[in-house]
Amino acid sequence: MRVLILGCQEAGWHLTSDLAKQGHHVVAIDGDPDVVEELAGLDNVEGLRYREPMLDSLRQAGLSNADAFMALTDSDSRNGMAAQVAQRIFHIPKVFCSIRDPHRQKVYEALGLTIISPTMALVDGITSGLEG
């Protein structure tokens, strides 16, 4: 599977590494050249430095040929916009979007995006732990 990951800090770095180890071809897109260089040194990983405008970076990364796209930057707005572009313009079958703000999460879910919320995962994990 060809996977594009926008935002390769923290979770994005680990996800890139794990997917590449599973044999997927991963394009890691990030603004930090050191992160891009480090990830590009892994088997099955192609690194690309993110630059504005976003659409140009996504096209250069080969978004039109992707099987899956993950928007994992630290910006809810950038993630929401990138995920919408992947889903609605490029018709990528599997699109995931990280949204930290629970209020924004509802807005992006209403747009039909699959949202992963680090904030709500933390809340749910702690709540479950207290109940157990």
Protein backbone atom coordinates (compact mmCIF):
# COMPACT_ATOMS: atom_id res chain seq x y z
CA MET A 1 0.00 0.00 0.00
CA ARG A 2 1.25 3.52 -0.79
CA VAL A 3 0.73 5.75 2.25
CA LEU A 4 1.37 9.48 2.59
CA ILE A 5 1.87 10.94 6.06
CA LEU A 6 1.83 14.71 6.51
CA GLY A 7 3.45 15.61 9.82
CA CYS A 8 6.14 13.22 11.00
CA GLN A 9 6.84 14.46 14.49
CA GLU A 10 6.08 12.11 17.38
CA ALA A 11 3.14 9.88 16.33
CA GLY A 12 3.80 10.46 12.63
CA TRP A 13 7.42 9.34 13.03
CA HIS A 14 6.44 6.11 14.76
CA LEU A 15 3.60 5.43 12.33
CA THR A 16 5.92 5.94 9.36
CA SER A 17 8.45 3.54 10.83
CA ASP A 18 5.86 0.88 11.71
CA LEU A 19 4.12 0.99 8.33
CA ALA A 20 7.44 0.82 6.48
CA LYS A 21 8.47 -2.23 8.55
CA GLN A 22 5.18 -3.87 7.53
CA GLY A 23 6.22 -3.42 3.88
CA HIS A 24 4.11 -0.42 2.94
CA HIS A 25 5.67 2.32 0.81
CA VAL A 26 5.47 5.47 2.93
CA VAL A 27 6.01 9.05 1.81
CA ALA A 28 6.90 11.07 4.92
CA ILE A 29 6.16 14.78 4.52
CA ASP A 30 7.38 17.20 7.17
CA GLY A 31 8.75 20.73 7.46
CA ASP A 32 11.78 19.66 9.50
CA PRO A 33 14.59 18.62 7.12
CA ASP A 34 16.30 16.56 9.83
CA VAL A 35 13.16 14.47 10.41
CA VAL A 36 12.67 14.00 6.67
CA GLU A 37 16.29 12.94 6.20
CA GLU A 38 16.17 10.50 9.12
CA LEU A 39 12.96 8.85 7.94
CA ALA A 40 14.12 8.72 4.32
CA GLY A 41 17.00 6.55 5.52
CA LEU A 42 14.55 3.77 6.42
CA ASP A 43 13.61 1.03 3.97
CA ASN A 44 10.33 1.70 2.14
CA VAL A 45 10.29 5.38 3.12
CA GLU A 46 10.54 8.36 0.81
CA GLY A 47 11.04 11.71 2.52
CA LEU A 48 9.74 15.04 1.29
CA ARG A 49 10.14 18.43 2.92
CA TYR A 50 6.84 20.25 3.31
CA ARG A 51 6.62 23.68 1.73
CA GLU A 52 3.78 26.11 1.13
CA PRO A 53 1.52 26.06 -0.73
CA MET A 54 0.26 22.79 0.73
CA LEU A 55 -1.34 21.57 -2.48
CA ASP A 56 2.00 21.73 -4.29
CA SER A 57 3.69 19.63 -1.59
CA LEU A 58 0.90 17.06 -1.70
CA ARG A 59 1.05 16.83 -5.49
CA GLN A 60 4.85 16.52 -5.40
CA ALA A 61 4.48 13.69 -2.87
CA GLY A 62 2.25 11.81 -5.29
CA LEU A 63 -1.04 12.16 -3.47
CA SER A 64 -2.93 11.24 -6.63
CA ASN A 65 -1.39 7.73 -6.44
CA ALA A 66 -1.87 7.15 -2.70
CA ASP A 67 -3.96 4.40 -1.15
CA ALA A 68 -4.08 6.14 2.22
CA PHE A 69 -3.35 9.59 3.64
CA MET A 70 -2.80 10.72 7.22
CA ALA A 71 -2.71 14.39 8.30
CA LEU A 72 -0.81 14.43 11.61
CA THR A 73 0.71 17.90 11.95
CA ASP A 74 0.30 19.97 15.12
CA SER A 75 -2.18 22.25 13.31
CA ASP A 76 -5.85 21.23 13.34
CA SER A 77 -6.58 23.64 10.47
CA ARG A 78 -3.77 22.30 8.28
CA ASN A 79 -4.80 18.71 9.02
CA GLY A 80 -8.46 19.40 8.26
CA MET A 81 -7.65 21.16 5.00
CA ALA A 82 -5.17 18.51 3.85
CA ALA A 83 -7.59 15.69 4.68
CA GLN A 84 -10.39 17.38 2.74
CA VAL A 85 -8.10 17.84 -0.27
CA ALA A 86 -7.08 14.16 -0.11
CA GLN A 87 -10.65 12.95 0.26
CA ARG A 88 -12.59 15.29 -2.01
CA ILE A 89 -10.13 16.32 -4.73
CA PHE A 90 -7.84 13.28 -4.99
CA HIS A 91 -10.45 10.67 -3.88
CA ILE A 92 -8.00 8.80 -1.64
CA PRO A 93 -9.86 5.77 -0.23
CA LYS A 94 -8.50 5.94 3.33
CA VAL A 95 -7.98 9.37 4.92
CA PHE A 96 -7.26 9.99 8.62
CA CYS A 97 -7.03 13.39 10.26
CA SER A 98 -5.63 14.31 13.67
CA ILE A 99 -7.69 16.99 15.40
CA ARG A 100 -6.74 17.97 18.95
CA ASP A 101 -9.56 20.41 19.71
CA PRO A 102 -12.76 18.45 20.52
CA HIS A 103 -14.94 21.35 19.30
CA ARG A 104 -13.22 21.36 15.92
CA GLN A 105 -13.44 17.57 15.84
CA LYS A 106 -17.22 17.77 15.56
CA VAL A 107 -16.99 20.22 12.66
CA TYR A 108 -14.58 18.03 10.70
CA GLU A 109 -16.61 14.90 11.43
CA ALA A 110 -19.65 16.69 9.99
CA LEU A 111 -17.62 17.16 6.81
CA GLY A 112 -17.25 13.38 6.59
CA LEU A 113 -13.62 13.08 7.70
CA THR A 114 -12.29 10.22 9.82
CA ILE A 115 -10.91 11.96 12.89
CA ILE A 116 -8.31 10.69 15.32
CA SER A 117 -8.27 12.88 18.42
CA PRO A 118 -5.17 12.66 20.64
CA THR A 119 -7.02 14.74 23.24
CA MET A 120 -10.01 12.43 23.41
CA ALA A 121 -7.80 9.31 23.32
CA LEU A 122 -6.02 10.63 26.41
CA VAL A 123 -9.32 11.46 28.16
CA ASP A 124 -10.81 8.08 27.28
CA GLY A 125 -7.67 6.23 28.40
CA ILE A 126 -7.57 7.94 31.78
CA THR A 127 -11.32 7.58 32.31
CA SER A 128 -11.15 3.85 31.49
CA GLY A 129 -8.17 3.42 33.79
CA LEU A 130 -10.01 5.02 36.68
CA GLU A 131 -13.05 2.81 36.15
CA GLY A 132 -10.98 -0.39 36.03
